[in-house]
All heavy atoms as atom14 arrays in JSON, in Angstrom:
{
  "sequence": "AFLMGGGIGVPPILELAKQMQCEEKQIVVGYRDSHTFLREQFEENGS",
  "atom14_mask": [
    [1, 1, 1, 1, 1, 0, 0, 0, 0, 0, 0, 0, 0, 0],
    [1, 1, 1, 1, 1, 1, 1, 1, 1, 1, 1, 0, 0, 0],
    [1, 1, 1, 1, 1, 1, 1, 1, 0, 0, 0, 0, 0, 0],
    [1, 1, 1, 1, 1, 1, 1, 1, 0, 0, 0, 0, 0, 0],
    [1, 1, 1, 1, 0, 0, 0, 0, 0, 0, 0, 0, 0, 0],
    [1, 1, 1, 1, 0, 0, 0, 0, 0, 0, 0, 0, 0, 0],
    [1, 1, 1, 1, 0, 0, 0, 0, 0, 0, 0, 0, 0, 0],
    [1, 1, 1, 1, 1, 1, 1, 1, 0, 0, 0, 0, 0, 0],
    [1, 1, 1, 1, 0, 0, 0, 0, 0, 0, 0, 0, 0, 0],
    [1, 1, 1, 1, 1, 1, 1, 0, 0, 0, 0, 0, 0, 0],
    [1, 1, 1, 1, 1, 1, 1, 0, 0, 0, 0, 0, 0, 0],
    [1, 1, 1, 1, 1, 1, 1, 0, 0, 0, 0, 0, 0, 0],
    [1, 1, 1, 1, 1, 1, 1, 1, 0, 0, 0, 0, 0, 0],
    [1, 1, 1, 1, 1, 1, 1, 1, 0, 0, 0, 0, 0, 0],
    [1, 1, 1, 1, 1, 1, 1, 1, 1, 0, 0, 0, 0, 0],
    [1, 1, 1, 1, 1, 1, 1, 1, 0, 0, 0, 0, 0, 0],
    [1, 1, 1, 1, 1, 0, 0, 0, 0, 0, 0, 0, 0, 0],
    [1, 1, 1, 1, 1, 1, 1, 1, 1, 0, 0, 0, 0, 0],
    [1, 1, 1, 1, 1, 1, 1, 1, 1, 0, 0, 0, 0, 0],
    [1, 1, 1, 1, 1, 1, 1, 1, 0, 0, 0, 0, 0, 0],
    [1, 1, 1, 1, 1, 1, 1, 1, 1, 0, 0, 0, 0, 0],
    [1, 1, 1, 1, 1, 1, 0, 0, 0, 0, 0, 0, 0, 0],
    [1, 1, 1, 1, 1, 1, 1, 1, 1, 0, 0, 0, 0, 0],
    [1, 1, 1, 1, 1, 1, 1, 1, 1, 0, 0, 0, 0, 0],
    [1, 1, 1, 1, 1, 1, 1, 1, 1, 0, 0, 0, 0, 0],
    [1, 1, 1, 1, 1, 1, 1, 1, 1, 0, 0, 0, 0, 0],
    [1, 1, 1, 1, 1, 1, 1, 1, 0, 0, 0, 0, 0, 0],
    [1, 1, 1, 1, 1, 1, 1, 0, 0, 0, 0, 0, 0, 0],
    [1, 1, 1, 1, 1, 1, 1, 0, 0, 0, 0, 0, 0, 0],
    [1, 1, 1, 1, 0, 0, 0, 0, 0, 0, 0, 0, 0, 0],
    [1, 1, 1, 1, 1, 1, 1, 1, 1, 1, 1, 1, 0, 0],
    [1, 1, 1, 1, 1, 1, 1, 1, 1, 1, 1, 0, 0, 0],
    [1, 1, 1, 1, 1, 1, 1, 1, 0, 0, 0, 0, 0, 0],
    [1, 1, 1, 1, 1, 1, 0, 0, 0, 0, 0, 0, 0, 0],
    [1, 1, 1, 1, 1, 1, 1, 1, 1, 1, 0, 0, 0, 0],
    [1, 1, 1, 1, 1, 1, 1, 0, 0, 0, 0, 0, 0, 0],
    [1, 1, 1, 1, 1, 1, 1, 1, 1, 1, 1, 0, 0, 0],
    [1, 1, 1, 1, 1, 1, 1, 1, 0, 0, 0, 0, 0, 0],
    [1, 1, 1, 1, 1, 1, 1, 1, 1, 1, 1, 0, 0, 0],
    [1, 1, 1, 1, 1, 1, 1, 1, 1, 0, 0, 0, 0, 0],
    [1, 1, 1, 1, 1, 1, 1, 1, 1, 0, 0, 0, 0, 0],
    [1, 1, 1, 1, 1, 1, 1, 1, 1, 1, 1, 0, 0, 0],
    [1, 1, 1, 1, 1, 1, 1, 1, 1, 0, 0, 0, 0, 0],
    [1, 1, 1, 1, 1, 1, 1, 1, 1, 0, 0, 0, 0, 0],
    [1, 1, 1, 1, 1, 1, 1, 1, 0, 0, 0, 0, 0, 0],
    [1, 1, 1, 1, 0, 0, 0, 0, 0, 0, 0, 0, 0, 0],
    [1, 1, 1, 1, 1, 1, 0, 0, 0, 0, 0, 0, 0, 0]
  ],
  "atom14_positions": [
    [[-35.14, -179.85, -16.26], [-35.11, -181.18, -15.68], [-33.82, -181.46, -14.92], [-32.74, -180.99, -15.29], [-35.28, -182.23, -16.79], [0.0, 0.0, 0.0], [0.0, 0.0, 0.0], [0.0, 0.0, 0.0], [0.0, 0.0, 0.0], [0.0, 0.0, 0.0], [0.0, 0.0, 0.0], [0.0, 0.0, 0.0], [0.0, 0.0, 0.0], [0.0, 0.0, 0.0]],
    [[-33.96, -182.22, -13.81], [-32.84, -182.8, -13.11], [-32.73, -184.26, -13.57], [-33.72, -185.0, -13.5], [-33.05, -182.79, -11.6], [-32.8, -181.48, -10.93], [-33.38, -181.22, -9.7], [-31.97, -180.52, -11.48], [-33.16, -180.01, -9.05], [-31.75, -179.3, -10.86], [-32.34, -179.05, -9.64], [0.0, 0.0, 0.0], [0.0, 0.0, 0.0], [0.0, 0.0, 0.0]],
    [[-31.55, -184.67, -14.0], [-31.26, -186.08, -14.27], [-30.24, -186.47, -13.23], [-29.08, -186.04, -13.31], [-30.7, -186.26, -15.69], [-31.67, -186.17, -16.86], [-32.24, -184.76, -16.99], [-30.95, -186.53, -18.17], [0.0, 0.0, 0.0], [0.0, 0.0, 0.0], [0.0, 0.0, 0.0], [0.0, 0.0, 0.0], [0.0, 0.0, 0.0], [0.0, 0.0, 0.0]],
    [[-30.63, -187.28, -12.26], [-29.79, -187.48, -11.07], [-29.42, -188.96, -10.93], [-30.26, -189.86, -11.03], [-30.54, -187.01, -9.83], [-31.01, -185.56, -9.94], [-31.96, -185.0, -8.51], [-30.64, -184.88, -7.29], [0.0, 0.0, 0.0], [0.0, 0.0, 0.0], [0.0, 0.0, 0.0], [0.0, 0.0, 0.0], [0.0, 0.0, 0.0], [0.0, 0.0, 0.0]],
    [[-28.13, -189.19, -10.68], [-27.65, -190.56, -10.49], [-26.62, -190.6, -9.39], [-25.85, -189.66, -9.19], [0.0, 0.0, 0.0], [0.0, 0.0, 0.0], [0.0, 0.0, 0.0], [0.0, 0.0, 0.0], [0.0, 0.0, 0.0], [0.0, 0.0, 0.0], [0.0, 0.0, 0.0], [0.0, 0.0, 0.0], [0.0, 0.0, 0.0], [0.0, 0.0, 0.0]],
    [[-26.6, -191.73, -8.66], [-25.63, -191.9, -7.61], [-25.06, -193.3, -7.61], [-25.8, -194.27, -7.81], [0.0, 0.0, 0.0], [0.0, 0.0, 0.0], [0.0, 0.0, 0.0], [0.0, 0.0, 0.0], [0.0, 0.0, 0.0], [0.0, 0.0, 0.0], [0.0, 0.0, 0.0], [0.0, 0.0, 0.0], [0.0, 0.0, 0.0], [0.0, 0.0, 0.0]],
    [[-23.75, -193.43, -7.44], [-23.13, -194.75, -7.41], [-23.31, -195.49, -8.72], [-23.14, -194.95, -9.8], [0.0, 0.0, 0.0], [0.0, 0.0, 0.0], [0.0, 0.0, 0.0], [0.0, 0.0, 0.0], [0.0, 0.0, 0.0], [0.0, 0.0, 0.0], [0.0, 0.0, 0.0], [0.0, 0.0, 0.0], [0.0, 0.0, 0.0], [0.0, 0.0, 0.0]],
    [[-23.75, -196.74, -8.63], [-23.97, -197.53, -9.84], [-25.3, -197.16, -10.47], [-25.69, -197.7, -11.51], [-23.87, -199.04, -9.53], [-23.4, -199.81, -10.77], [-25.14, -199.57, -8.94], [-22.06, -199.37, -11.32], [0.0, 0.0, 0.0], [0.0, 0.0, 0.0], [0.0, 0.0, 0.0], [0.0, 0.0, 0.0], [0.0, 0.0, 0.0], [0.0, 0.0, 0.0]],
    [[-26.01, -196.2, -9.89], [-27.2, -195.61, -10.51], [-26.85, -194.51, -11.48], [-27.73, -193.93, -12.1], [0.0, 0.0, 0.0], [0.0, 0.0, 0.0], [0.0, 0.0, 0.0], [0.0, 0.0, 0.0], [0.0, 0.0, 0.0], [0.0, 0.0, 0.0], [0.0, 0.0, 0.0], [0.0, 0.0, 0.0], [0.0, 0.0, 0.0], [0.0, 0.0, 0.0]],
    [[-25.55, -194.21, -11.62], [-25.09, -193.2, -12.58], [-25.25, -193.66, -14.03], [-25.75, -192.9, -14.86], [-23.64, -192.79, -12.27], [-23.04, -191.99, -13.42], [-23.57, -191.99, -10.97], [0.0, 0.0, 0.0], [0.0, 0.0, 0.0], [0.0, 0.0, 0.0], [0.0, 0.0, 0.0], [0.0, 0.0, 0.0], [0.0, 0.0, 0.0], [0.0, 0.0, 0.0]],
    [[-24.81, -194.89, -14.4], [-24.84, -195.28, -15.82], [-26.18, -195.16, -16.53], [-26.22, -194.69, -17.68], [-24.38, -196.75, -15.77], [-23.47, -196.79, -14.57], [-24.12, -195.89, -13.58], [0.0, 0.0, 0.0], [0.0, 0.0, 0.0], [0.0, 0.0, 0.0], [0.0, 0.0, 0.0], [0.0, 0.0, 0.0], [0.0, 0.0, 0.0], [0.0, 0.0, 0.0]],
    [[-27.34, -195.53, -15.91], [-28.61, -195.41, -16.65], [-28.96, -193.98, -17.04], [-29.76, -193.75, -17.96], [-29.64, -195.96, -15.67], [-28.85, -196.79, -14.71], [-27.53, -196.15, -14.61], [0.0, 0.0, 0.0], [0.0, 0.0, 0.0], [0.0, 0.0, 0.0], [0.0, 0.0, 0.0], [0.0, 0.0, 0.0], [0.0, 0.0, 0.0], [0.0, 0.0, 0.0]],
    [[-28.36, -193.0, -16.37], [-28.66, -191.6, -16.64], [-28.08, -191.15, -17.99], [-28.59, -190.22, -18.61], [-28.13, -190.72, -15.5], [-28.79, -191.11, -14.15], [-28.39, -189.23, -15.77], [-30.29, -191.0, -14.17], [0.0, 0.0, 0.0], [0.0, 0.0, 0.0], [0.0, 0.0, 0.0], [0.0, 0.0, 0.0], [0.0, 0.0, 0.0], [0.0, 0.0, 0.0]],
    [[-27.04, -191.85, -18.48], [-26.4, -191.42, -19.72], [-27.33, -191.53, -20.93], [-27.5, -190.55, -21.68], [-25.12, -192.23, -19.97], [-24.37, -191.88, -21.26], [-24.06, -190.4, -21.32], [-23.1, -192.7, -21.4], [0.0, 0.0, 0.0], [0.0, 0.0, 0.0], [0.0, 0.0, 0.0], [0.0, 0.0, 0.0], [0.0, 0.0, 0.0], [0.0, 0.0, 0.0]],
    [[-27.96, -192.68, -21.13], [-28.85, -192.81, -22.28], [-30.07, -191.91, -22.12], [-30.58, -191.37, -23.11], [-29.3, -194.26, -22.45], [-30.12, -194.53, -23.69], [-29.37, -194.25, -25.0], [-28.14, -194.44, -25.03], [-30.03, -193.85, -25.98], [0.0, 0.0, 0.0], [0.0, 0.0, 0.0], [0.0, 0.0, 0.0], [0.0, 0.0, 0.0], [0.0, 0.0, 0.0]],
    [[-30.5, -191.72, -20.9], [-31.6, -190.79, -20.63], [-31.22, -189.39, -21.09], [-32.0, -188.71, -21.75], [-31.94, -190.8, -19.14], [-33.02, -189.82, -18.66], [-34.37, -190.16, -19.28], [-33.11, -189.84, -17.14], [0.0, 0.0, 0.0], [0.0, 0.0, 0.0], [0.0, 0.0, 0.0], [0.0, 0.0, 0.0], [0.0, 0.0, 0.0], [0.0, 0.0, 0.0]],
    [[-30.0, -188.96, -20.75], [-29.53, -187.65, -21.13], [-29.41, -187.52, -22.66], [-29.7, -186.47, -23.24], [-28.17, -187.36, -20.48], [0.0, 0.0, 0.0], [0.0, 0.0, 0.0], [0.0, 0.0, 0.0], [0.0, 0.0, 0.0], [0.0, 0.0, 0.0], [0.0, 0.0, 0.0], [0.0, 0.0, 0.0], [0.0, 0.0, 0.0], [0.0, 0.0, 0.0]],
    [[-29.01, -188.6, -23.3], [-28.85, -188.56, -24.76], [-30.19, -188.43, -25.48], [-30.28, -187.78, -26.52], [-28.11, -189.82, -25.23], [-26.65, -189.88, -24.8], [-26.0, -191.2, -25.14], [-25.91, -191.43, -26.64], [-25.17, -192.69, -26.95], [0.0, 0.0, 0.0], [0.0, 0.0, 0.0], [0.0, 0.0, 0.0], [0.0, 0.0, 0.0], [0.0, 0.0, 0.0]],
    [[-31.23, -189.05, -24.92], [-32.53, -189.06, -25.62], [-33.48, -187.95, -25.18], [-34.39, -187.58, -25.94], [-33.19, -190.42, -25.42], [-32.49, -191.57, -26.1], [-33.38, -192.77, -26.29], [-34.6, -192.66, -26.43], [-32.8, -193.96, -26.3], [0.0, 0.0, 0.0], [0.0, 0.0, 0.0], [0.0, 0.0, 0.0], [0.0, 0.0, 0.0], [0.0, 0.0, 0.0]],
    [[-33.26, -187.41, -24.01], [-34.21, -186.41, -23.5], [-34.1, -185.08, -24.22], [-33.02, -184.58, -24.49], [-33.99, -186.2, -22.0], [-34.92, -185.18, -21.39], [-34.65, -185.0, -19.61], [-35.33, -186.54, -19.0], [0.0, 0.0, 0.0], [0.0, 0.0, 0.0], [0.0, 0.0, 0.0], [0.0, 0.0, 0.0], [0.0, 0.0, 0.0], [0.0, 0.0, 0.0]],
    [[-35.26, -184.52, -24.52], [-35.33, -183.18, -25.09], [-36.15, -182.31, -24.12], [-37.31, -182.62, -23.86], [-36.0, -183.21, -26.46], [-35.2, -184.0, -27.5], [-35.88, -184.01, -28.86], [-36.95, -183.45, -29.04], [-35.24, -184.66, -29.84], [0.0, 0.0, 0.0], [0.0, 0.0, 0.0], [0.0, 0.0, 0.0], [0.0, 0.0, 0.0], [0.0, 0.0, 0.0]],
    [[-35.52, -181.28, -23.59], [-36.21, -180.42, -22.63], [-35.62, -179.02, -22.71], [-34.64, -178.77, -23.41], [-36.07, -180.98, -21.21], [-34.38, -181.18, -20.65], [0.0, 0.0, 0.0], [0.0, 0.0, 0.0], [0.0, 0.0, 0.0], [0.0, 0.0, 0.0], [0.0, 0.0, 0.0], [0.0, 0.0, 0.0], [0.0, 0.0, 0.0], [0.0, 0.0, 0.0]],
    [[-36.2, -178.11, -21.96], [-35.75, -176.71, -21.99], [-34.34, -176.59, -21.43], [-33.49, -175.9, -21.99], [-36.69, -175.83, -21.19], [-36.27, -174.36, -21.15], [-37.19, -173.54, -20.26], [-38.41, -173.8, -20.26], [-36.67, -172.63, -19.6], [0.0, 0.0, 0.0], [0.0, 0.0, 0.0], [0.0, 0.0, 0.0], [0.0, 0.0, 0.0], [0.0, 0.0, 0.0]],
    [[-34.1, -177.25, -20.29], [-32.79, -177.22, -19.66], [-32.48, -178.56, -19.03], [-33.26, -179.06, -18.21], [-32.71, -176.11, -18.6], [-31.34, -175.92, -18.01], [-31.25, -174.74, -17.04], [-32.26, -174.0, -16.95], [-30.22, -174.59, -16.38], [0.0, 0.0, 0.0], [0.0, 0.0, 0.0], [0.0, 0.0, 0.0], [0.0, 0.0, 0.0], [0.0, 0.0, 0.0]],
    [[-31.37, -179.17, -19.42], [-31.01, -180.52, -18.99], [-29.87, -180.39, -17.97], [-28.73, -180.09, -18.33], [-30.57, -181.34, -20.19], [-30.5, -182.84, -19.97], [-29.98, -183.53, -21.21], [-30.77, -183.2, -22.45], [-30.2, -183.85, -23.67], [0.0, 0.0, 0.0], [0.0, 0.0, 0.0], [0.0, 0.0, 0.0], [0.0, 0.0, 0.0], [0.0, 0.0, 0.0]],
    [[-30.19, -180.61, -16.71], [-29.2, -180.49, -15.63], [-28.88, -181.89, -15.08], [-29.72, -182.53, -14.45], [-29.74, -179.61, -14.51], [-30.13, -178.22, -14.99], [-30.95, -177.46, -13.97], [-30.45, -176.62, -13.25], [-32.23, -177.77, -13.91], [0.0, 0.0, 0.0], [0.0, 0.0, 0.0], [0.0, 0.0, 0.0], [0.0, 0.0, 0.0], [0.0, 0.0, 0.0]],
    [[-27.68, -182.36, -15.37], [-27.24, -183.69, -14.96], [-26.48, -183.56, -13.64], [-25.46, -182.88, -13.56], [-26.34, -184.34, -16.03], [-27.08, -184.38, -17.38], [-25.91, -185.73, -15.59], [-26.16, -184.73, -18.55], [0.0, 0.0, 0.0], [0.0, 0.0, 0.0], [0.0, 0.0, 0.0], [0.0, 0.0, 0.0], [0.0, 0.0, 0.0], [0.0, 0.0, 0.0]],
    [[-27.02, -184.22, -12.61], [-26.42, -184.12, -11.28], [-26.07, -185.54, -10.83], [-26.95, -186.36, -10.56], [-27.38, -183.48, -10.25], [-26.65, -183.21, -8.94], [-27.99, -182.19, -10.82], [0.0, 0.0, 0.0], [0.0, 0.0, 0.0], [0.0, 0.0, 0.0], [0.0, 0.0, 0.0], [0.0, 0.0, 0.0], [0.0, 0.0, 0.0], [0.0, 0.0, 0.0]],
    [[-24.78, -185.85, -10.77], [-24.37, -187.22, -10.46], [-23.37, -187.24, -9.3], [-22.54, -186.34, -9.14], [-23.74, -187.91, -11.69], [-24.82, -188.26, -12.7], [-22.68, -187.05, -12.35], [0.0, 0.0, 0.0], [0.0, 0.0, 0.0], [0.0, 0.0, 0.0], [0.0, 0.0, 0.0], [0.0, 0.0, 0.0], [0.0, 0.0, 0.0], [0.0, 0.0, 0.0]],
    [[-23.48, -188.29, -8.5], [-22.63, -188.42, -7.32], [-21.71, -189.63, -7.39], [-22.14, -190.72, -7.8], [0.0, 0.0, 0.0], [0.0, 0.0, 0.0], [0.0, 0.0, 0.0], [0.0, 0.0, 0.0], [0.0, 0.0, 0.0], [0.0, 0.0, 0.0], [0.0, 0.0, 0.0], [0.0, 0.0, 0.0], [0.0, 0.0, 0.0], [0.0, 0.0, 0.0]],
    [[-20.47, -189.43, -6.97], [-19.46, -190.49, -6.96], [-18.83, -190.59, -5.58], [-18.94, -189.69, -4.76], [-18.36, -190.2, -7.97], [-18.81, -190.06, -9.41], [-19.2, -188.83, -9.92], [-18.84, -191.17, -10.26], [-19.59, -188.69, -11.25], [-19.23, -191.03, -11.59], [-19.61, -189.8, -12.07], [-20.0, -189.67, -13.38], [0.0, 0.0, 0.0], [0.0, 0.0, 0.0]],
    [[-18.11, -191.68, -5.35], [-17.4, -191.84, -4.09], [-16.18, -190.95, -4.02], [-15.89, -190.33, -3.0], [-16.96, -193.3, -3.92], [-18.1, -194.29, -3.7], [-17.54, -195.71, -3.64], [-18.59, -196.69, -3.37], [-18.42, -198.01, -3.4], [-17.22, -198.49, -3.68], [-19.42, -198.83, -3.16], [0.0, 0.0, 0.0], [0.0, 0.0, 0.0], [0.0, 0.0, 0.0]],
    [[-15.43, -190.91, -5.15], [-14.16, -190.19, -5.16], [-13.91, -189.61, -6.55], [-14.86, -189.38, -7.31], [-13.01, -191.13, -4.75], [-13.03, -192.44, -5.53], [-13.37, -192.42, -6.75], [-12.71, -193.48, -4.93], [0.0, 0.0, 0.0], [0.0, 0.0, 0.0], [0.0, 0.0, 0.0], [0.0, 0.0, 0.0], [0.0, 0.0, 0.0], [0.0, 0.0, 0.0]],
    [[-12.65, -189.38, -6.89], [-12.29, -188.71, -8.14], [-12.45, -189.57, -9.39], [-12.28, -189.09, -10.5], [-10.84, -188.2, -8.07], [-9.95, -189.28, -7.86], [0.0, 0.0, 0.0], [0.0, 0.0, 0.0], [0.0, 0.0, 0.0], [0.0, 0.0, 0.0], [0.0, 0.0, 0.0], [0.0, 0.0, 0.0], [0.0, 0.0, 0.0], [0.0, 0.0, 0.0]],
    [[-12.8, -190.83, -9.23], [-13.03, -191.72, -10.39], [-14.43, -191.47, -10.95], [-15.36, -192.23, -10.72], [-12.86, -193.19, -9.99], [-11.44, -193.53, -9.61], [-11.05, -193.65, -8.3], [-10.34, -193.75, -10.36], [-9.76, -193.94, -8.26], [-9.31, -194.0, -9.5], [0.0, 0.0, 0.0], [0.0, 0.0, 0.0], [0.0, 0.0, 0.0], [0.0, 0.0, 0.0]],
    [[-14.57, -190.37, -11.68], [-15.86, -189.92, -12.19], [-16.11, -190.5, -13.58], [-16.07, -189.79, -14.59], [-15.92, -188.39, -12.23], [-14.77, -187.89, -12.93], [-15.89, -187.81, -10.81], [0.0, 0.0, 0.0], [0.0, 0.0, 0.0], [0.0, 0.0, 0.0], [0.0, 0.0, 0.0], [0.0, 0.0, 0.0], [0.0, 0.0, 0.0], [0.0, 0.0, 0.0]],
    [[-16.35, -191.81, -13.62], [-16.57, -192.49, -14.89], [-17.76, -191.93, -15.65], [-18.73, -191.5, -15.05], [-16.74, -194.02, -14.66], [-17.8, -194.38, -13.67], [-19.1, -194.65, -14.08], [-17.51, -194.49, -12.32], [-20.1, -195.01, -13.18], [-18.5, -194.84, -11.39], [-19.78, -195.1, -11.82], [0.0, 0.0, 0.0], [0.0, 0.0, 0.0], [0.0, 0.0, 0.0]],
    [[-17.66, -191.89, -16.94], [-18.67, -191.37, -17.89], [-18.76, -189.84, -17.9], [-19.6, -189.27, -18.58], [-20.07, -191.95, -17.6], [-20.2, -193.49, -17.61], [-21.61, -193.89, -17.21], [-19.84, -194.05, -18.98], [0.0, 0.0, 0.0], [0.0, 0.0, 0.0], [0.0, 0.0, 0.0], [0.0, 0.0, 0.0], [0.0, 0.0, 0.0], [0.0, 0.0, 0.0]],
    [[-17.87, -189.18, -17.2], [-17.94, -187.73, -17.05], [-17.96, -187.0, -18.4], [-18.78, -186.11, -18.63], [-16.77, -187.23, -16.2], [-16.73, -185.71, -16.05], [-15.62, -185.27, -15.12], [-15.59, -183.83, -14.98], [-14.78, -183.2, -14.1], [-13.98, -183.88, -13.31], [-14.81, -181.87, -14.04], [0.0, 0.0, 0.0], [0.0, 0.0, 0.0], [0.0, 0.0, 0.0]],
    [[-17.04, -187.35, -19.29], [-16.93, -186.65, -20.58], [-18.21, -186.79, -21.39], [-18.67, -185.84, -22.03], [-15.73, -187.17, -21.37], [-14.39, -186.79, -20.75], [-13.23, -187.26, -21.6], [-13.46, -187.87, -22.68], [-12.07, -187.01, -21.21], [0.0, 0.0, 0.0], [0.0, 0.0, 0.0], [0.0, 0.0, 0.0], [0.0, 0.0, 0.0], [0.0, 0.0, 0.0]],
    [[-18.82, -187.97, -21.37], [-20.04, -188.18, -22.14], [-21.22, -187.39, -21.53], [-22.07, -186.91, -22.25], [-20.36, -189.66, -22.23], [-19.42, -190.41, -23.17], [-19.67, -191.88, -23.17], [-19.26, -192.61, -22.26], [-20.41, -192.36, -24.16], [0.0, 0.0, 0.0], [0.0, 0.0, 0.0], [0.0, 0.0, 0.0], [0.0, 0.0, 0.0], [0.0, 0.0, 0.0]],
    [[-21.24, -187.28, -20.21], [-22.26, -186.46, -19.58], [-22.12, -185.01, -19.98], [-23.12, -184.32, -20.28], [-22.2, -186.57, -18.06], [-22.86, -187.82, -17.51], [-22.17, -188.67, -16.65], [-24.17, -188.15, -17.84], [-22.77, -189.8, -16.14], [-24.77, -189.29, -17.35], [-24.07, -190.12, -16.49], [0.0, 0.0, 0.0], [0.0, 0.0, 0.0], [0.0, 0.0, 0.0]],
    [[-20.89, -184.53, -20.03], [-20.65, -183.13, -20.39], [-21.11, -182.82, -21.81], [-21.47, -181.67, -22.12], [-19.16, -182.81, -20.22], [-18.7, -182.78, -18.78], [-17.2, -182.6, -18.62], [-16.46, -182.95, -19.57], [-16.76, -182.13, -17.57], [0.0, 0.0, 0.0], [0.0, 0.0, 0.0], [0.0, 0.0, 0.0], [0.0, 0.0, 0.0], [0.0, 0.0, 0.0]],
    [[-21.12, -183.83, -22.67], [-21.54, -183.66, -24.04], [-23.06, -183.61, -24.17], [-23.6, -183.24, -25.22], [-21.0, -184.79, -24.91], [-19.49, -184.82, -25.03], [-18.99, -186.1, -25.71], [-19.83, -186.98, -26.0], [-17.78, -186.2, -25.94], [0.0, 0.0, 0.0], [0.0, 0.0, 0.0], [0.0, 0.0, 0.0], [0.0, 0.0, 0.0], [0.0, 0.0, 0.0]],
    [[-23.77, -184.0, -23.13], [-25.23, -184.16, -23.22], [-26.03, -183.32, -22.25], [-27.22, -183.58, -22.05], [-25.58, -185.65, -23.05], [-25.16, -186.48, -24.23], [-25.85, -186.5, -25.27], [-24.03, -187.18, -24.14], [0.0, 0.0, 0.0], [0.0, 0.0, 0.0], [0.0, 0.0, 0.0], [0.0, 0.0, 0.0], [0.0, 0.0, 0.0], [0.0, 0.0, 0.0]],
    [[-25.43, -182.33, -21.64], [-26.16, -181.47, -20.72], [-25.22, -180.68, -19.84], [-24.0, -180.77, -19.96], [0.0, 0.0, 0.0], [0.0, 0.0, 0.0], [0.0, 0.0, 0.0], [0.0, 0.0, 0.0], [0.0, 0.0, 0.0], [0.0, 0.0, 0.0], [0.0, 0.0, 0.0], [0.0, 0.0, 0.0], [0.0, 0.0, 0.0], [0.0, 0.0, 0.0]],
    [[-25.78, -179.9, -18.92], [-24.99, -179.16, -17.93], [-24.71, -180.11, -16.77], [-25.63, -180.58, -16.11], [-25.78, -177.94, -17.45], [-26.07, -177.07, -18.51], [0.0, 0.0, 0.0], [0.0, 0.0, 0.0], [0.0, 0.0, 0.0], [0.0, 0.0, 0.0], [0.0, 0.0, 0.0], [0.0, 0.0, 0.0], [0.0, 0.0, 0.0], [0.0, 0.0, 0.0]]
  ]
}
């Protein structure tokens, strides 16, 4: 699975990543710059 978020569409992807069970969880998120909020929690819940 691709779990994809961009801008302020990034936050809803976190709970999705926490609850989803699949063969391979690939989290792909886009930001404006180096302020990659929620990054550590995403890393804990998928690639």
